[in-house]
Amino acid sequence: MTNDSTRVQRSAVTIQSAIAARSRLHRLSLFTRNQKGERRLSPPRFKLLLAAHIAVSGAWLGAAAVKMILAIAAATGATHPGSSAFLTAIEFLTSTDATLAILTALSGVLLSLGTKWGLIQHYWIVVKIALSVTVVLTAAVLTDGFLAGMNTALASQAASDGNLLKIASTATILLISLCAIDMLMIAAATFISIYKPWGKTPFNSPKPVTIKNASLKN
């Protein structure tokens, strides 16, 4: 009897330990399952991720707006050193694009996975992802070349007459246009996330339900 009682106590302790470990793992898990088995974020985690997403996406939009302002200021500056400083600031802000984009995308993906919207189940999310990737690629691929061309134009203009006002080189126009387009794409992604247009993608099509007819016995 004593051995049986000891085994029962040990089994009870093991079960309690397993339940406690599962409870701790559940608290650490980012997602939970609702009654339908769907993956969801808890309200506190949802609010935290939403606040983080708004903060980093707002910072990204602000950085794009500042880059456009700096590009215009560099093109219409009165001195070459001042305009070069503006271009250096643009270069620094461009280096933050990848970080801000990754943080925006990561928080957005987690929000999508933990809510009813899903990752690629609605067109507005797919369009947001496409816009974000486009902004990062254009900034990474084109900005350096435009900055170099604008620096050359500024130096040439300063050497000729010392007046940098109304520089209209191709690189200048392209850089300002690129900054404006990037800002508009980020702003568009922000508005899309608010209005959530266009409906569902084919990946969100409901699965067919097969109903088996049961034979009735008299």
N, C-alpha and C. Protein backbone atom coordinates (compact mmCIF):
# COMPACT_ATOMS: atom_id res chain seq x y z
N MET A 1 0.82 -1.21 0.00
CA MET A 1 0.00 0.00 0.00
C MET A 1 0.86 1.26 0.00
N THR A 2 1.96 1.21 0.77
CA THR A 2 2.83 2.38 0.85
C THR A 2 3.44 2.70 -0.50
N ASN A 3 3.88 1.65 -1.22
CA ASN A 3 4.48 1.86 -2.54
C ASN A 3 3.46 2.43 -3.52
N ASP A 4 2.23 1.89 -3.46
CA ASP A 4 1.20 2.40 -4.35
C ASP A 4 0.89 3.87 -4.04
N SER A 5 0.84 4.22 -2.77
CA SER A 5 0.57 5.60 -2.38
C SER A 5 1.68 6.53 -2.85
N THR A 6 2.92 6.05 -2.75
CA THR A 6 4.07 6.85 -3.18
C THR A 6 4.01 7.09 -4.69
N ARG A 7 3.65 6.03 -5.44
CA ARG A 7 3.56 6.19 -6.90
C ARG A 7 2.46 7.16 -7.29
N VAL A 8 1.35 7.09 -6.58
CA VAL A 8 0.25 8.01 -6.86
C VAL A 8 0.67 9.44 -6.58
N GLN A 9 1.37 9.65 -5.47
CA GLN A 9 1.82 11.00 -5.14
C GLN A 9 2.80 11.52 -6.18
N ARG A 10 3.71 10.65 -6.62
CA ARG A 10 4.68 11.06 -7.64
C ARG A 10 3.98 11.40 -8.94
N SER A 11 2.98 10.61 -9.31
CA SER A 11 2.24 10.88 -10.54
C SER A 11 1.51 12.21 -10.44
N ALA A 12 0.94 12.48 -9.26
CA ALA A 12 0.23 13.74 -9.06
C ALA A 12 1.18 14.92 -9.16
N VAL A 13 2.37 14.79 -8.59
CA VAL A 13 3.37 15.86 -8.66
C VAL A 13 3.81 16.08 -10.09
N THR A 14 4.00 14.98 -10.84
CA THR A 14 4.41 15.09 -12.25
C THR A 14 3.36 15.80 -13.08
N ILE A 15 2.09 15.45 -12.85
CA ILE A 15 1.01 16.08 -13.59
C ILE A 15 0.93 17.56 -13.26
N GLN A 16 1.05 17.91 -11.97
CA GLN A 16 1.02 19.30 -11.57
C GLN A 16 2.17 20.10 -12.17
N SER A 17 3.36 19.48 -12.23
CA SER A 17 4.51 20.15 -12.83
C SER A 17 4.29 20.39 -14.32
N ALA A 18 3.71 19.38 -14.99
CA ALA A 18 3.44 19.53 -16.42
C ALA A 18 2.42 20.63 -16.67
N ILE A 19 1.39 20.69 -15.83
CA ILE A 19 0.37 21.74 -15.98
C ILE A 19 0.98 23.12 -15.74
N ALA A 20 1.84 23.21 -14.71
CA ALA A 20 2.48 24.50 -14.41
C ALA A 20 3.41 24.93 -15.55
N ALA A 21 4.17 23.97 -16.11
CA ALA A 21 5.06 24.30 -17.21
C ALA A 21 4.27 24.74 -18.44
N ARG A 22 3.15 24.05 -18.69
CA ARG A 22 2.32 24.44 -19.84
C ARG A 22 1.72 25.82 -19.62
N SER A 23 1.35 26.12 -18.38
CA SER A 23 0.79 27.44 -18.09
C SER A 23 1.83 28.53 -18.30
N ARG A 24 3.07 28.28 -17.86
CA ARG A 24 4.13 29.27 -18.07
C ARG A 24 4.41 29.45 -19.54
N LEU A 25 4.43 28.37 -20.32
CA LEU A 25 4.66 28.46 -21.76
C LEU A 25 3.54 29.22 -22.44
N HIS A 26 2.32 29.01 -21.96
CA HIS A 26 1.17 29.73 -22.53
C HIS A 26 1.29 31.23 -22.29
N ARG A 27 1.76 31.61 -21.11
CA ARG A 27 1.92 33.03 -20.82
C ARG A 27 3.01 33.66 -21.67
N LEU A 28 4.06 32.88 -21.98
CA LEU A 28 5.17 33.40 -22.77
C LEU A 28 4.84 33.44 -24.26
N SER A 29 3.88 32.64 -24.70
CA SER A 29 3.54 32.57 -26.11
C SER A 29 2.90 33.88 -26.56
N LEU A 30 3.27 34.31 -27.77
CA LEU A 30 2.73 35.57 -28.29
C LEU A 30 1.27 35.42 -28.71
N PHE A 31 0.93 34.25 -29.25
CA PHE A 31 -0.43 34.03 -29.75
C PHE A 31 -1.17 33.03 -28.87
N THR A 32 -2.49 33.13 -28.91
CA THR A 32 -3.35 32.16 -28.25
C THR A 32 -4.36 31.65 -29.28
N ARG A 33 -5.18 30.70 -28.89
CA ARG A 33 -6.21 30.16 -29.77
C ARG A 33 -7.59 30.45 -29.16
N ASN A 34 -8.49 30.95 -30.01
CA ASN A 34 -9.84 31.18 -29.51
C ASN A 34 -10.65 29.89 -29.57
N GLN A 35 -11.94 29.98 -29.32
CA GLN A 35 -12.78 28.79 -29.27
C GLN A 35 -12.88 28.10 -30.63
N LYS A 36 -12.68 28.87 -31.71
CA LYS A 36 -12.72 28.28 -33.05
C LYS A 36 -11.36 27.74 -33.48
N GLY A 37 -10.36 27.85 -32.61
CA GLY A 37 -9.03 27.38 -32.96
C GLY A 37 -8.23 28.37 -33.76
N GLU A 38 -8.71 29.61 -33.90
CA GLU A 38 -8.01 30.63 -34.67
C GLU A 38 -6.94 31.30 -33.83
N ARG A 39 -5.82 31.64 -34.48
CA ARG A 39 -4.70 32.28 -33.79
C ARG A 39 -5.04 33.75 -33.54
N ARG A 40 -4.87 34.17 -32.28
CA ARG A 40 -5.20 35.54 -31.92
C ARG A 40 -4.17 36.09 -30.92
N LEU A 41 -4.00 37.42 -30.96
CA LEU A 41 -3.20 38.12 -29.97
C LEU A 41 -4.08 38.47 -28.78
N SER A 42 -3.51 38.41 -27.60
CA SER A 42 -4.25 38.86 -26.43
C SER A 42 -4.40 40.38 -26.51
N PRO A 43 -5.44 40.97 -25.91
CA PRO A 43 -5.65 42.43 -25.99
C PRO A 43 -4.43 43.26 -25.59
N PRO A 44 -3.71 42.95 -24.48
CA PRO A 44 -2.54 43.77 -24.15
C PRO A 44 -1.44 43.68 -25.20
N ARG A 45 -1.21 42.48 -25.74
CA ARG A 45 -0.16 42.33 -26.75
C ARG A 45 -0.58 42.99 -28.07
N PHE A 46 -1.86 42.91 -28.38
CA PHE A 46 -2.35 43.58 -29.58
C PHE A 46 -2.13 45.09 -29.48
N LYS A 47 -2.47 45.68 -28.34
CA LYS A 47 -2.30 47.12 -28.16
C LYS A 47 -0.82 47.52 -28.23
N LEU A 48 0.05 46.69 -27.63
CA LEU A 48 1.48 46.98 -27.65
C LEU A 48 2.03 46.93 -29.06
N LEU A 49 1.67 45.89 -29.82
CA LEU A 49 2.15 45.77 -31.20
C LEU A 49 1.57 46.87 -32.09
N LEU A 50 0.31 47.21 -31.87
CA LEU A 50 -0.31 48.27 -32.66
C LEU A 50 0.38 49.61 -32.41
N ALA A 51 0.67 49.90 -31.14
CA ALA A 51 1.37 51.14 -30.81
C ALA A 51 2.76 51.17 -31.44
N ALA A 52 3.47 50.04 -31.38
CA ALA A 52 4.80 49.96 -31.99
C ALA A 52 4.72 50.13 -33.50
N HIS A 53 3.72 49.52 -34.12
CA HIS A 53 3.57 49.62 -35.58
C HIS A 53 3.28 51.05 -36.00
N ILE A 54 2.41 51.72 -35.28
CA ILE A 54 2.09 53.11 -35.59
C ILE A 54 3.31 54.00 -35.40
N ALA A 55 4.08 53.74 -34.34
CA ALA A 55 5.26 54.57 -34.04
C ALA A 55 6.32 54.44 -35.13
N VAL A 56 6.67 53.21 -35.50
CA VAL A 56 7.75 53.03 -36.48
C VAL A 56 7.30 53.43 -37.89
N SER A 57 6.05 53.15 -38.24
CA SER A 57 5.58 53.56 -39.56
C SER A 57 5.46 55.08 -39.65
N GLY A 58 5.08 55.72 -38.53
CA GLY A 58 5.06 57.19 -38.50
C GLY A 58 6.45 57.78 -38.62
N ALA A 59 7.42 57.14 -37.96
CA ALA A 59 8.81 57.59 -38.07
C ALA A 59 9.32 57.43 -39.49
N TRP A 60 8.94 56.35 -40.13
CA TRP A 60 9.35 56.11 -41.53
C TRP A 60 8.76 57.16 -42.45
N LEU A 61 7.48 57.47 -42.27
CA LEU A 61 6.83 58.51 -43.07
C LEU A 61 7.48 59.87 -42.81
N GLY A 62 7.78 60.16 -41.55
CA GLY A 62 8.43 61.43 -41.22
C GLY A 62 9.81 61.54 -41.84
N ALA A 63 10.57 60.43 -41.82
CA ALA A 63 11.91 60.45 -42.42
C ALA A 63 11.82 60.71 -43.92
N ALA A 64 10.82 60.12 -44.60
CA ALA A 64 10.66 60.35 -46.03
C ALA A 64 10.31 61.81 -46.32
N ALA A 65 9.45 62.39 -45.49
CA ALA A 65 9.09 63.80 -45.68
C ALA A 65 10.29 64.72 -45.46
N VAL A 66 11.07 64.42 -44.43
CA VAL A 66 12.26 65.23 -44.15
C VAL A 66 13.27 65.13 -45.29
N LYS A 67 13.41 63.94 -45.87
CA LYS A 67 14.34 63.77 -47.00
C LYS A 67 13.93 64.64 -48.18
N MET A 68 12.63 64.69 -48.46
CA MET A 68 12.18 65.52 -49.56
C MET A 68 12.46 67.00 -49.29
N ILE A 69 12.20 67.43 -48.06
CA ILE A 69 12.47 68.83 -47.69
C ILE A 69 13.96 69.14 -47.80
N LEU A 70 14.80 68.22 -47.34
CA LEU A 70 16.25 68.43 -47.42
C LEU A 70 16.73 68.47 -48.86
N ALA A 71 16.13 67.63 -49.72
CA ALA A 71 16.53 67.64 -51.13
C ALA A 71 16.20 68.97 -51.79
N ILE A 72 15.02 69.51 -51.48
CA ILE A 72 14.65 70.83 -52.02
C ILE A 72 15.57 71.91 -51.46
N ALA A 73 15.87 71.82 -50.16
CA ALA A 73 16.75 72.81 -49.54
C ALA A 73 18.15 72.75 -50.13
N ALA A 74 18.64 71.54 -50.42
CA ALA A 74 19.97 71.40 -51.01
C ALA A 74 20.01 71.99 -52.42
N ALA A 75 18.91 71.82 -53.16
CA ALA A 75 18.88 72.33 -54.53
C ALA A 75 18.75 73.84 -54.60
N THR A 76 18.24 74.43 -53.55
CA THR A 76 18.02 75.89 -53.57
C THR A 76 18.87 76.61 -52.54
N GLY A 77 19.90 75.93 -52.05
CA GLY A 77 20.76 76.53 -51.02
C GLY A 77 21.62 77.64 -51.58
N ALA A 78 22.13 78.45 -50.68
CA ALA A 78 22.95 79.60 -51.09
C ALA A 78 24.44 79.27 -51.14
N THR A 79 24.85 78.21 -50.46
CA THR A 79 26.28 77.86 -50.43
C THR A 79 26.45 76.38 -50.67
N HIS A 80 27.58 76.03 -51.23
CA HIS A 80 27.87 74.63 -51.49
C HIS A 80 28.04 73.83 -50.21
N PRO A 81 28.78 74.29 -49.19
CA PRO A 81 28.89 73.51 -47.94
C PRO A 81 27.54 73.25 -47.29
N GLY A 82 26.67 74.24 -47.31
CA GLY A 82 25.35 74.04 -46.72
C GLY A 82 24.54 72.99 -47.46
N SER A 83 24.56 73.05 -48.77
CA SER A 83 23.83 72.07 -49.57
C SER A 83 24.42 70.68 -49.41
N SER A 84 25.74 70.59 -49.30
CA SER A 84 26.39 69.30 -49.08
C SER A 84 25.97 68.70 -47.74
N ALA A 85 25.80 69.56 -46.74
CA ALA A 85 25.34 69.08 -45.43
C ALA A 85 23.93 68.50 -45.53
N PHE A 86 23.09 69.14 -46.33
CA PHE A 86 21.74 68.62 -46.53
C PHE A 86 21.78 67.24 -47.19
N LEU A 87 22.65 67.09 -48.17
CA LEU A 87 22.76 65.80 -48.85
C LEU A 87 23.30 64.72 -47.93
N THR A 88 24.22 65.10 -47.04
CA THR A 88 24.73 64.14 -46.06
C THR A 88 23.61 63.68 -45.13
N ALA A 89 22.74 64.62 -44.75
CA ALA A 89 21.60 64.27 -43.90
C ALA A 89 20.65 63.32 -44.63
N ILE A 90 20.45 63.54 -45.94
CA ILE A 90 19.61 62.65 -46.72
C ILE A 90 20.20 61.24 -46.76
N GLU A 91 21.53 61.20 -46.93
CA GLU A 91 22.21 59.90 -46.96
C GLU A 91 22.04 59.16 -45.64
N PHE A 92 22.13 59.89 -44.53
CA PHE A 92 21.94 59.26 -43.21
C PHE A 92 20.51 58.74 -43.06
N LEU A 93 19.53 59.55 -43.44
CA LEU A 93 18.14 59.13 -43.32
C LEU A 93 17.85 57.92 -44.20
N THR A 94 18.48 57.89 -45.37
CA THR A 94 18.30 56.74 -46.25
C THR A 94 18.84 55.46 -45.62
N SER A 95 19.92 55.59 -44.85
CA SER A 95 20.49 54.41 -44.18
C SER A 95 19.55 53.86 -43.10
N THR A 96 18.60 54.67 -42.64
CA THR A 96 17.65 54.18 -41.63
C THR A 96 16.41 53.54 -42.26
N ASP A 97 16.28 53.65 -43.58
CA ASP A 97 15.10 53.10 -44.24
C ASP A 97 14.93 51.61 -43.98
N ALA A 98 16.02 50.87 -44.10
CA ALA A 98 15.93 49.42 -43.94
C ALA A 98 15.48 49.06 -42.52
N THR A 99 16.06 49.73 -41.52
CA THR A 99 15.68 49.44 -40.13
C THR A 99 14.21 49.76 -39.89
N LEU A 100 13.78 50.94 -40.30
CA LEU A 100 12.38 51.33 -40.10
C LEU A 100 11.44 50.42 -40.88
N ALA A 101 11.84 50.02 -42.09
CA ALA A 101 11.01 49.14 -42.90
C ALA A 101 10.88 47.76 -42.25
N ILE A 102 12.00 47.23 -41.73
CA ILE A 102 11.96 45.92 -41.07
C ILE A 102 11.08 45.95 -39.84
N LEU A 103 11.21 47.00 -39.02
CA LEU A 103 10.39 47.11 -37.81
C LEU A 103 8.91 47.28 -38.17
N THR A 104 8.65 48.08 -39.21
CA THR A 104 7.26 48.26 -39.65
C THR A 104 6.69 46.95 -40.16
N ALA A 105 7.47 46.25 -41.00
CA ALA A 105 7.00 44.98 -41.56
C ALA A 105 6.82 43.92 -40.48
N LEU A 106 7.76 43.84 -39.54
CA LEU A 106 7.68 42.82 -38.49
C LEU A 106 6.46 43.03 -37.61
N SER A 107 6.26 44.25 -37.16
CA SER A 107 5.08 44.52 -36.32
C SER A 107 3.79 44.32 -37.11
N GLY A 108 3.80 44.69 -38.40
CA GLY A 108 2.62 44.50 -39.23
C GLY A 108 2.30 43.04 -39.47
N VAL A 109 3.34 42.23 -39.70
CA VAL A 109 3.13 40.79 -39.92
C VAL A 109 2.56 40.14 -38.66
N LEU A 110 3.11 40.48 -37.51
CA LEU A 110 2.61 39.91 -36.25
C LEU A 110 1.16 40.31 -36.01
N LEU A 111 0.83 41.57 -36.30
CA LEU A 111 -0.56 42.02 -36.16
C LEU A 111 -1.48 41.25 -37.12
N SER A 112 -1.01 41.04 -38.34
CA SER A 112 -1.83 40.32 -39.32
C SER A 112 -2.05 38.87 -38.90
N LEU A 113 -0.99 38.23 -38.44
CA LEU A 113 -1.10 36.82 -38.06
C LEU A 113 -1.96 36.64 -36.82
N GLY A 114 -2.00 37.64 -35.95
CA GLY A 114 -2.74 37.51 -34.70
C GLY A 114 -4.12 38.11 -34.72
N THR A 115 -4.62 38.47 -35.90
CA THR A 115 -5.97 39.02 -36.02
C THR A 115 -6.70 38.29 -37.15
N LYS A 116 -7.95 38.68 -37.38
CA LYS A 116 -8.77 38.02 -38.40
C LYS A 116 -8.29 38.31 -39.82
N TRP A 117 -7.39 39.30 -39.99
CA TRP A 117 -7.01 39.72 -41.34
C TRP A 117 -6.08 38.72 -42.02
N GLY A 118 -5.21 38.06 -41.26
CA GLY A 118 -4.27 37.13 -41.87
C GLY A 118 -3.16 37.86 -42.63
N LEU A 119 -2.21 37.11 -43.14
CA LEU A 119 -1.04 37.72 -43.78
C LEU A 119 -1.29 38.07 -45.24
N ILE A 120 -1.78 37.13 -46.03
CA ILE A 120 -2.03 37.39 -47.46
C ILE A 120 -3.48 37.05 -47.82
N GLN A 121 -4.36 37.22 -46.86
CA GLN A 121 -5.76 36.86 -47.09
C GLN A 121 -6.62 38.05 -47.53
N HIS A 122 -6.04 39.27 -47.47
CA HIS A 122 -6.76 40.46 -47.90
C HIS A 122 -5.85 41.31 -48.78
N TYR A 123 -6.43 41.89 -49.81
CA TYR A 123 -5.64 42.64 -50.78
C TYR A 123 -4.94 43.84 -50.17
N TRP A 124 -5.55 44.49 -49.20
CA TRP A 124 -4.93 45.69 -48.66
C TRP A 124 -3.61 45.37 -47.97
N ILE A 125 -3.50 44.20 -47.37
CA ILE A 125 -2.24 43.81 -46.74
C ILE A 125 -1.18 43.51 -47.80
N VAL A 126 -1.59 42.83 -48.87
CA VAL A 126 -0.65 42.52 -49.96
C VAL A 126 -0.11 43.81 -50.59
N VAL A 127 -1.01 44.78 -50.80
CA VAL A 127 -0.59 46.06 -51.39
C VAL A 127 0.35 46.80 -50.44
N LYS A 128 0.07 46.78 -49.15
CA LYS A 128 0.96 47.42 -48.18
C LYS A 128 2.36 46.81 -48.22
N ILE A 129 2.42 45.50 -48.28
CA ILE A 129 3.73 44.82 -48.35
C ILE A 129 4.46 45.23 -49.63
N ALA A 130 3.74 45.26 -50.75
CA ALA A 130 4.36 45.64 -52.03
C ALA A 130 4.88 47.07 -51.99
N LEU A 131 4.11 47.98 -51.41
CA LEU A 131 4.55 49.37 -51.31
C LEU A 131 5.80 49.49 -50.43
N SER A 132 5.82 48.78 -49.32
CA SER A 132 6.98 48.84 -48.41
C SER A 132 8.24 48.33 -49.10
N VAL A 133 8.12 47.20 -49.80
CA VAL A 133 9.28 46.63 -50.50
C VAL A 133 9.76 47.59 -51.59
N THR A 134 8.83 48.21 -52.31
CA THR A 134 9.19 49.15 -53.37
C THR A 134 9.95 50.35 -52.82
N VAL A 135 9.48 50.89 -51.70
CA VAL A 135 10.16 52.04 -51.09
C VAL A 135 11.59 51.68 -50.70
N VAL A 136 11.77 50.53 -50.06
CA VAL A 136 13.11 50.13 -49.62
C VAL A 136 14.03 49.92 -50.82
N LEU A 137 13.54 49.23 -51.85
CA LEU A 137 14.38 48.93 -53.01
C LEU A 137 14.77 50.20 -53.76
N THR A 138 13.82 51.09 -53.99
CA THR A 138 14.14 52.32 -54.71
C THR A 138 15.10 53.20 -53.92
N ALA A 139 14.90 53.25 -52.61
CA ALA A 139 15.81 54.05 -51.78
C ALA A 139 17.21 53.47 -51.79
N ALA A 140 17.30 52.15 -51.70
CA ALA A 140 18.62 51.51 -51.64
C ALA A 140 19.35 51.55 -52.98
N VAL A 141 18.61 51.38 -54.08
CA VAL A 141 19.24 51.26 -55.39
C VAL A 141 19.50 52.62 -56.04
N LEU A 142 18.55 53.56 -55.91
CA LEU A 142 18.61 54.79 -56.68
C LEU A 142 19.18 55.99 -55.93
N THR A 143 19.00 56.05 -54.62
CA THR A 143 19.34 57.27 -53.89
C THR A 143 20.82 57.61 -53.98
N ASP A 144 21.69 56.62 -53.81
CA ASP A 144 23.13 56.89 -53.83
C ASP A 144 23.57 57.52 -55.16
N GLY A 145 23.05 56.97 -56.26
CA GLY A 145 23.41 57.53 -57.56
C GLY A 145 22.91 58.95 -57.75
N PHE A 146 21.70 59.23 -57.30
CA PHE A 146 21.15 60.58 -57.41
C PHE A 146 21.91 61.56 -56.52
N LEU A 147 22.29 61.10 -55.32
CA LEU A 147 23.07 61.96 -54.42
C LEU A 147 24.41 62.33 -55.04
N ALA A 148 25.08 61.32 -55.65
CA ALA A 148 26.37 61.59 -56.28
C ALA A 148 26.21 62.59 -57.43
N GLY A 149 25.16 62.39 -58.24
CA GLY A 149 24.93 63.31 -59.35
C GLY A 149 24.60 64.71 -58.88
N MET A 150 23.85 64.81 -57.78
CA MET A 150 23.49 66.12 -57.26
C MET A 150 24.71 66.82 -56.67
N ASN A 151 25.56 66.07 -56.01
CA ASN A 151 26.81 66.65 -55.48
C ASN A 151 27.66 67.23 -56.61
N THR A 152 27.73 66.49 -57.71
CA THR A 152 28.49 66.98 -58.86
C THR A 152 27.88 68.25 -59.42
N ALA A 153 26.54 68.27 -59.50
CA ALA A 153 25.86 69.46 -60.03
C ALA A 153 26.07 70.66 -59.12
N LEU A 154 26.02 70.43 -57.82
CA LEU A 154 26.23 71.53 -56.87
C LEU A 154 27.64 72.10 -56.99
N ALA A 155 28.63 71.21 -57.07
CA ALA A 155 30.02 71.66 -57.17
C ALA A 155 30.24 72.42 -58.47
N SER A 156 29.64 71.94 -59.55
CA SER A 156 29.81 72.61 -60.84
C SER A 156 29.16 73.99 -60.83
N GLN A 157 28.00 74.10 -60.25
CA GLN A 157 27.31 75.38 -60.20
C GLN A 157 28.06 76.38 -59.31
N ALA A 158 28.58 75.88 -58.17
CA ALA A 158 29.33 76.76 -57.27
C ALA A 158 30.61 77.26 -57.92
N ALA A 159 31.25 76.40 -58.71
CA ALA A 159 32.50 76.79 -59.36
C ALA A 159 32.26 77.81 -60.47
N SER A 160 31.07 77.74 -61.11
CA SER A 160 30.83 78.64 -62.25
C SER A 160 30.46 80.05 -61.81
N ASP A 161 29.49 80.18 -60.89
CA ASP A 161 29.10 81.54 -60.50
C ASP A 161 28.85 81.70 -59.00
N GLY A 162 29.06 80.62 -58.25
CA GLY A 162 28.88 80.71 -56.81
C GLY A 162 27.44 80.77 -56.36
N ASN A 163 26.50 80.71 -57.28
CA ASN A 163 25.07 80.78 -56.92
C ASN A 163 24.44 79.41 -57.14
N LEU A 164 23.89 78.84 -56.09
CA LEU A 164 23.31 77.51 -56.20
C LEU A 164 21.80 77.54 -56.40
N LEU A 165 21.22 78.71 -56.50
CA LEU A 165 19.77 78.81 -56.58
C LEU A 165 19.26 78.27 -57.92
N LYS A 166 18.14 77.49 -57.82
CA LYS A 166 17.44 76.96 -58.99
C LYS A 166 18.32 76.03 -59.82
N ILE A 167 19.02 75.18 -59.16
CA ILE A 167 19.76 74.13 -59.89
C ILE A 167 18.74 73.14 -60.46
N ALA A 168 18.83 72.85 -61.73
CA ALA A 168 17.84 71.98 -62.36
C ALA A 168 18.49 70.81 -63.07
N SER A 169 19.51 70.23 -62.45
CA SER A 169 20.16 69.08 -63.06
C SER A 169 19.22 67.88 -63.00
N THR A 170 19.49 66.90 -63.86
CA THR A 170 18.66 65.70 -63.89
C THR A 170 18.68 64.97 -62.56
N ALA A 171 19.87 64.85 -61.96
CA ALA A 171 20.00 64.17 -60.68
C ALA A 171 19.19 64.86 -59.59
N THR A 172 19.20 66.20 -59.61
CA THR A 172 18.44 66.96 -58.61
C THR A 172 16.96 66.69 -58.72
N ILE A 173 16.45 66.78 -59.94
CA ILE A 173 15.03 66.55 -60.17
C ILE A 173 14.64 65.13 -59.79
N LEU A 174 15.48 64.16 -60.16
CA LEU A 174 15.19 62.76 -59.87
C LEU A 174 15.22 62.49 -58.36
N LEU A 175 16.17 63.10 -57.65
CA LEU A 175 16.26 62.88 -56.21
C LEU A 175 15.03 63.43 -55.49
N ILE A 176 14.64 64.66 -55.85
CA ILE A 176 13.46 65.26 -55.23
C ILE A 176 12.22 64.43 -55.58
N SER A 177 12.12 63.98 -56.83
CA SER A 177 10.97 63.17 -57.23
C SER A 177 10.94 61.84 -56.49
N LEU A 178 12.12 61.22 -56.33
CA LEU A 178 12.19 59.94 -55.62
C LEU A 178 11.75 60.10 -54.17
N CYS A 179 12.24 61.15 -53.50
CA CYS A 179 11.85 61.39 -52.11
C CYS A 179 10.35 61.63 -51.99
N ALA A 180 9.80 62.38 -52.95
CA ALA A 180 8.35 62.65 -52.93
C ALA A 180 7.55 61.37 -53.17
N ILE A 181 7.99 60.55 -54.11
CA ILE A 181 7.27 59.31 -54.42
C ILE A 181 7.34 58.35 -53.23
N ASP A 182 8.52 58.23 -52.61
CA ASP A 182 8.65 57.36 -51.43
C ASP A 182 7.71 57.82 -50.33
N MET A 183 7.65 59.14 -50.10
CA MET A 183 6.77 59.66 -49.06
C MET A 183 5.31 59.35 -49.39
N LEU A 184 4.93 59.52 -50.64
CA LEU A 184 3.54 59.25 -51.04
C LEU A 184 3.21 57.76 -50.90
N MET A 185 4.15 56.88 -51.22
CA MET A 185 3.89 55.44 -51.09
C MET A 185 3.71 55.04 -49.62
N ILE A 186 4.55 55.59 -48.75
CA ILE A 186 4.40 55.29 -47.32
C ILE A 186 3.09 55.86 -46.79
N ALA A 187 2.75 57.07 -47.23
CA ALA A 187 1.47 57.67 -46.82
C ALA A 187 0.30 56.84 -47.34
N ALA A 188 0.41 56.36 -48.57
CA ALA A 188 -0.65 55.52 -49.13
C ALA A 188 -0.82 54.24 -48.33
N ALA A 189 0.31 53.63 -47.93
CA ALA A 189 0.23 52.42 -47.11
C ALA A 189 -0.46 52.71 -45.77
N THR A 190 -0.21 53.90 -45.23
CA THR A 190 -0.86 54.28 -43.97
C THR A 190 -2.37 54.40 -44.14
N PHE A 191 -2.80 55.08 -45.21
CA PHE A 191 -4.24 55.24 -45.45
C PHE A 191 -4.89 53.89 -45.77
N ILE A 192 -4.19 53.04 -46.49
CA ILE A 192 -4.73 51.72 -46.81
C ILE A 192 -4.97 50.91 -45.54
N SER A 193 -4.04 51.00 -44.59
CA SER A 193 -4.20 50.25 -43.34
C SER A 193 -5.38 50.76 -42.52
N ILE A 194 -5.78 52.00 -42.74
CA ILE A 194 -6.93 52.56 -42.01
C ILE A 194 -8.24 52.14 -42.67
N TYR A 195 -8.33 52.27 -44.01
CA TYR A 195 -9.59 52.01 -44.71
C TYR A 195 -9.78 50.55 -45.12
N LYS A 196 -8.67 49.81 -45.28
CA LYS A 196 -8.72 48.38 -45.56
C LYS A 196 -9.65 48.04 -46.75
N PRO A 197 -9.33 48.53 -47.95
CA PRO A 197 -10.21 48.31 -49.10
C PRO A 197 -9.95 46.97 -49.80
N TRP A 198 -10.78 46.72 -50.86
CA TRP A 198 -10.55 45.70 -51.90
C TRP A 198 -10.93 44.27 -51.54
N GLY A 199 -11.27 43.98 -50.35
CA GLY A 199 -11.78 42.64 -50.07
C GLY A 199 -10.71 41.56 -49.90
N LYS A 200 -11.15 40.31 -50.11
CA LYS A 200 -10.31 39.15 -49.81
C LYS A 200 -9.59 38.63 -51.05
N THR A 201 -8.42 38.03 -50.83
CA THR A 201 -7.67 37.38 -51.89
C THR A 201 -8.16 35.93 -52.05
N PRO A 202 -7.75 35.26 -53.13
CA PRO A 202 -8.13 33.84 -53.29
C PRO A 202 -7.62 32.95 -52.15
N PHE A 203 -6.58 33.39 -51.44
CA PHE A 203 -6.06 32.59 -50.34
C PHE A 203 -7.01 32.57 -49.15
N ASN A 204 -8.02 33.42 -49.17
CA ASN A 204 -8.99 33.48 -48.09
C ASN A 204 -10.32 32.86 -48.49
N SER A 205 -10.31 32.11 -49.58
CA SER A 205 -11.55 31.47 -50.02
C SER A 205 -11.98 30.42 -49.01
N PRO A 206 -13.25 30.37 -48.69
CA PRO A 206 -13.70 29.37 -47.71
C PRO A 206 -13.53 27.96 -48.24
N LYS A 207 -13.13 27.06 -47.38
CA LYS A 207 -12.97 25.68 -47.78
C LYS A 207 -14.33 25.02 -47.94
N PRO A 208 -14.48 24.23 -48.99
CA PRO A 208 -15.78 23.57 -49.17
C PRO A 208 -16.08 22.61 -48.03
N VAL A 209 -17.32 22.62 -47.62
CA VAL A 209 -17.74 21.75 -46.53
C VAL A 209 -18.51 20.59 -47.11
N THR A 210 -18.07 19.38 -46.84
CA THR A 210 -18.72 18.19 -47.33
C THR A 210 -19.70 17.68 -46.28
N ILE A 211 -20.94 17.57 -46.67
CA ILE A 211 -21.96 17.10 -45.75
C ILE A 211 -22.38 15.70 -46.18
N LYS A 212 -22.20 14.78 -45.31
CA LYS A 212 -22.57 13.39 -45.61
C LYS A 212 -24.02 13.15 -45.18
N ASN A 213 -24.77 12.59 -46.10
CA ASN A 213 -26.16 12.27 -45.78
C ASN A 213 -26.22 11.00 -44.95
N ALA A 214 -26.87 11.11 -43.85
CA ALA A 214 -27.01 9.94 -42.97
C ALA A 214 -28.28 9.20 -43.36
N SER A 215 -28.19 7.90 -43.47
CA SER A 215 -29.36 7.10 -43.80
C SER A 215 -30.24 6.98 -42.60
N LEU A 216 -31.53 7.11 -42.81
CA LEU A 216 -32.50 7.02 -41.73
C LEU A 216 -33.02 5.60 -41.65
N LYS A 217 -33.01 5.10 -40.49
CA LYS A 217 -33.52 3.74 -40.28
C LYS A 217 -34.87 3.83 -39.60
N ASN A 218 -35.83 3.10 -40.13
CA ASN A 218 -37.14 3.05 -39.52
C ASN A 218 -37.14 2.03 -38.38
